[in-house]
């Protein structure tokens, strides 16, 4: 840890395919993490086409 906080990055999600993958480990915690990830993707300009919730065993 540098002790200086989070880095200030300028990233662009425009034109990128980005997937958010989550499990069903702890719904309250994961809901917040997913919402935070989607908010950052939107802030970075990523096109949010949809979000599919569910689970599948591989």
Foldseek 3Di string as FASTA:
>chain_A
DPPPDDDDDQAAQPPHDDDDDDDVPDVVVVVVVVVVVVVVNVVRPHDDPDDDDDDDDD
